[in-house]
Amino acid sequence: MSSIENKHFEKQNYYQVALTKGEYDNCTFVNCVFSDSDLSNVSFTECEFQDCDFKAAIFERTIVEKTDFRTSYNYAIDPENNKIKKAKFSMPEVLGLLSKYNIEVK
């Protein structure tokens, strides 16, 4: 697995071209599209996702520790199958962490 550090990715469409599997450390993703992307077994440590779309992205055994999702949207991350320690989320998108439970929060 490749190691990618301190890289900046902007306006990338990972729906069309898959994100390289690897360990991303201190990387920034700005206005990227991850719709339908398989992010399984990828590690994002201390990364920041700014205004990124994760519609139907797959998070399985993904590490997102100390990663910032506060301005991104449409993610559904299962805390039981992924490492999310100290990750940052905002309302109402943080409810994507509960999506597997099929519950209503009002």
C-alpha atoms as a PDB file:
ATOM      1  CA  MET A   1       0.000   0.000   0.000  1.00  0.00           C
ATOM      2  CA  SER A   2       1.423   3.382  -0.964  1.00  0.00           C
ATOM      3  CA  SER A   3       1.992   6.215   1.488  1.00  0.00           C
ATOM      4  CA  ILE A   4       0.938   9.726   0.452  1.00  0.00           C
ATOM      5  CA  GLU A   5       1.867  12.648   2.690  1.00  0.00           C
ATOM      6  CA  ASN A   6       1.147  16.382   2.680  1.00  0.00           C
ATOM      7  CA  LYS A   7      -0.535  16.413  -0.733  1.00  0.00           C
ATOM      8  CA  HIS A   8      -3.263  18.764  -1.939  1.00  0.00           C
ATOM      9  CA  PHE A   9      -6.012  17.382  -4.195  1.00  0.00           C
ATOM     10  CA  GLU A  10      -8.471  19.808  -5.772  1.00  0.00           C
ATOM     11  CA  LYS A  11     -11.569  19.251  -7.947  1.00  0.00           C
ATOM     12  CA  GLN A  12     -10.750  15.584  -8.475  1.00  0.00           C
ATOM     13  CA  ASN A  13     -13.571  13.281  -9.543  1.00  0.00           C
ATOM     14  CA  TYR A  14     -13.001   9.872  -7.961  1.00  0.00           C
ATOM     15  CA  TYR A  15     -16.293   8.657  -9.380  1.00  0.00           C
ATOM     16  CA  GLN A  16     -14.624   8.446 -12.770  1.00  0.00           C
ATOM     17  CA  VAL A  17     -11.088   7.474 -11.695  1.00  0.00           C
ATOM     18  CA  ALA A  18     -10.628   5.529  -8.463  1.00  0.00           C
ATOM     19  CA  LEU A  19      -8.607   7.009  -5.628  1.00  0.00           C
ATOM     20  CA  THR A  20      -5.314   5.154  -5.245  1.00  0.00           C
ATOM     21  CA  LYS A  21      -5.490   2.797  -2.260  1.00  0.00           C
ATOM     22  CA  GLY A  22      -3.000   3.819   0.373  1.00  0.00           C
ATOM     23  CA  GLU A  23      -2.256   5.702   3.541  1.00  0.00           C
ATOM     24  CA  TYR A  24      -2.959   9.425   3.269  1.00  0.00           C
ATOM     25  CA  ASP A  25      -1.368  11.565   5.997  1.00  0.00           C
ATOM     26  CA  ASN A  26      -1.927  15.319   6.367  1.00  0.00           C
ATOM     27  CA  CYS A  27      -3.543  15.579   2.931  1.00  0.00           C
ATOM     28  CA  THR A  28      -6.188  18.068   1.850  1.00  0.00           C
ATOM     29  CA  PHE A  29      -9.022  17.299  -0.554  1.00  0.00           C
ATOM     30  CA  VAL A  30     -10.937  20.336  -1.841  1.00  0.00           C
ATOM     31  CA  ASN A  31     -14.172  20.164  -3.869  1.00  0.00           C
ATOM     32  CA  CYS A  32     -13.582  16.516  -4.745  1.00  0.00           C
ATOM     33  CA  VAL A  33     -16.272  14.017  -5.723  1.00  0.00           C
ATOM     34  CA  PHE A  34     -16.148  10.608  -4.044  1.00  0.00           C
ATOM     35  CA  SER A  35     -19.614   9.488  -5.182  1.00  0.00           C
ATOM     36  CA  ASP A  36     -19.801   5.686  -5.445  1.00  0.00           C
ATOM     37  CA  SER A  37     -16.098   5.436  -4.553  1.00  0.00           C
ATOM     38  CA  ASP A  38     -14.819   2.397  -2.690  1.00  0.00           C
ATOM     39  CA  LEU A  39     -12.720   3.785   0.165  1.00  0.00           C
ATOM     40  CA  SER A  40     -12.409   0.419   1.896  1.00  0.00           C
ATOM     41  CA  ASN A  41      -9.079  -0.267   3.577  1.00  0.00           C
ATOM     42  CA  VAL A  42      -7.813   3.270   2.909  1.00  0.00           C
ATOM     43  CA  SER A  43      -6.236   5.267   5.714  1.00  0.00           C
ATOM     44  CA  PHE A  44      -6.821   9.013   6.091  1.00  0.00           C
ATOM     45  CA  THR A  45      -4.940  10.380   9.108  1.00  0.00           C
ATOM     46  CA  GLU A  46      -5.059  14.085   9.939  1.00  0.00           C
ATOM     47  CA  CYS A  47      -6.564  14.841   6.521  1.00  0.00           C
ATOM     48  CA  GLU A  48      -9.100  17.512   5.645  1.00  0.00           C
ATOM     49  CA  PHE A  49     -11.999  17.170   3.225  1.00  0.00           C
ATOM     50  CA  GLN A  50     -13.336  20.590   2.196  1.00  0.00           C
ATOM     51  CA  ASP A  51     -16.693  20.627   0.384  1.00  0.00           C
ATOM     52  CA  CYS A  52     -16.353  17.031  -0.844  1.00  0.00           C
ATOM     53  CA  ASP A  53     -19.307  14.856  -1.913  1.00  0.00           C
ATOM     54  CA  PHE A  54     -19.358  11.277  -0.589  1.00  0.00           C
ATOM     55  CA  LYS A  55     -22.734  10.168  -1.974  1.00  0.00           C
ATOM     56  CA  ALA A  56     -22.876   6.340  -1.848  1.00  0.00           C
ATOM     57  CA  ALA A  57     -19.140   6.102  -1.047  1.00  0.00           C
ATOM     58  CA  ILE A  58     -18.151   2.855   0.658  1.00  0.00           C
ATOM     59  CA  PHE A  59     -16.322   3.075   3.971  1.00  0.00           C
ATOM     60  CA  GLU A  60     -15.328  -0.414   5.192  1.00  0.00           C
ATOM     61  CA  ARG A  61     -12.322  -0.880   7.469  1.00  0.00           C
ATOM     62  CA  THR A  62     -11.359   2.694   6.585  1.00  0.00           C
ATOM     63  CA  ILE A  63      -9.292   4.809   8.957  1.00  0.00           C
ATOM     64  CA  VAL A  64     -10.364   8.459   9.244  1.00  0.00           C
ATOM     65  CA  GLU A  65      -8.652   9.335  12.519  1.00  0.00           C
ATOM     66  CA  LYS A  66      -8.150  13.043  13.234  1.00  0.00           C
ATOM     67  CA  THR A  67      -9.719  13.781   9.850  1.00  0.00           C
ATOM     68  CA  ASP A  68     -11.958  16.795   9.217  1.00  0.00           C
ATOM     69  CA  PHE A  69     -15.266  16.247   7.378  1.00  0.00           C
ATOM     70  CA  ARG A  70     -17.000  19.389   8.730  1.00  0.00           C
ATOM     71  CA  THR A  71     -17.687  21.002   5.331  1.00  0.00           C
ATOM     72  CA  SER A  72     -18.239  17.772   3.379  1.00  0.00           C
ATOM     73  CA  TYR A  73     -21.521  15.977   2.838  1.00  0.00           C
ATOM     74  CA  ASN A  74     -23.435  12.805   1.911  1.00  0.00           C
ATOM     75  CA  TYR A  75     -21.155  10.471   3.832  1.00  0.00           C
ATOM     76  CA  ALA A  76     -22.370   7.358   5.649  1.00  0.00           C
ATOM     77  CA  ILE A  77     -19.617   5.985   7.868  1.00  0.00           C
ATOM     78  CA  ASP A  78     -20.286   3.062  10.187  1.00  0.00           C
ATOM     79  CA  PRO A  79     -18.369   3.710  13.441  1.00  0.00           C
ATOM     80  CA  GLU A  80     -18.403  -0.034  14.162  1.00  0.00           C
ATOM     81  CA  ASN A  81     -16.504  -0.952  10.967  1.00  0.00           C
ATOM     82  CA  ASN A  82     -14.185   2.051  10.654  1.00  0.00           C
ATOM     83  CA  LYS A  83     -11.700   3.860  12.873  1.00  0.00           C
ATOM     84  CA  ILE A  84     -12.982   7.410  13.408  1.00  0.00           C
ATOM     85  CA  LYS A  85     -11.196   8.470  16.600  1.00  0.00           C
ATOM     86  CA  LYS A  86     -11.000  12.271  16.915  1.00  0.00           C
ATOM     87  CA  ALA A  87     -12.518  12.842  13.445  1.00  0.00           C
ATOM     88  CA  LYS A  88     -14.468  16.094  13.047  1.00  0.00           C
ATOM     89  CA  PHE A  89     -18.035  16.267  11.733  1.00  0.00           C
ATOM     90  CA  SER A  90     -20.743  18.930  11.582  1.00  0.00           C
ATOM     91  CA  MET A  91     -24.532  18.902  11.850  1.00  0.00           C
ATOM     92  CA  PRO A  92     -26.612  17.680  10.147  1.00  0.00           C
ATOM     93  CA  GLU A  93     -24.131  15.571   8.137  1.00  0.00           C
ATOM     94  CA  VAL A  94     -22.871  13.775  11.252  1.00  0.00           C
ATOM     95  CA  LEU A  95     -26.161  11.858  11.150  1.00  0.00           C
ATOM     96  CA  GLY A  96     -24.539   9.827   8.368  1.00  0.00           C
ATOM     97  CA  LEU A  97     -22.791   7.933  11.173  1.00  0.00           C
ATOM     98  CA  LEU A  98     -26.210   6.601  12.210  1.00  0.00           C
ATOM     99  CA  SER A  99     -27.571   5.735   8.761  1.00  0.00           C
ATOM    100  CA  LYS A 100     -27.186   1.967   9.166  1.00  0.00           C
ATOM    101  CA  TYR A 101     -29.630   2.022  12.077  1.00  0.00           C
ATOM    102  CA  ASN A 102     -32.483   3.354   9.934  1.00  0.00           C
ATOM    103  CA  ILE A 103     -33.629   5.753  12.653  1.00  0.00           C
ATOM    104  CA  GLU A 104     -35.161   9.214  12.525  1.00  0.00           C
ATOM    105  CA  VAL A 105     -33.549  12.124  14.351  1.00  0.00           C
ATOM    106  CA  LYS A 106     -35.594  15.330  14.562  1.00  0.00           C
END
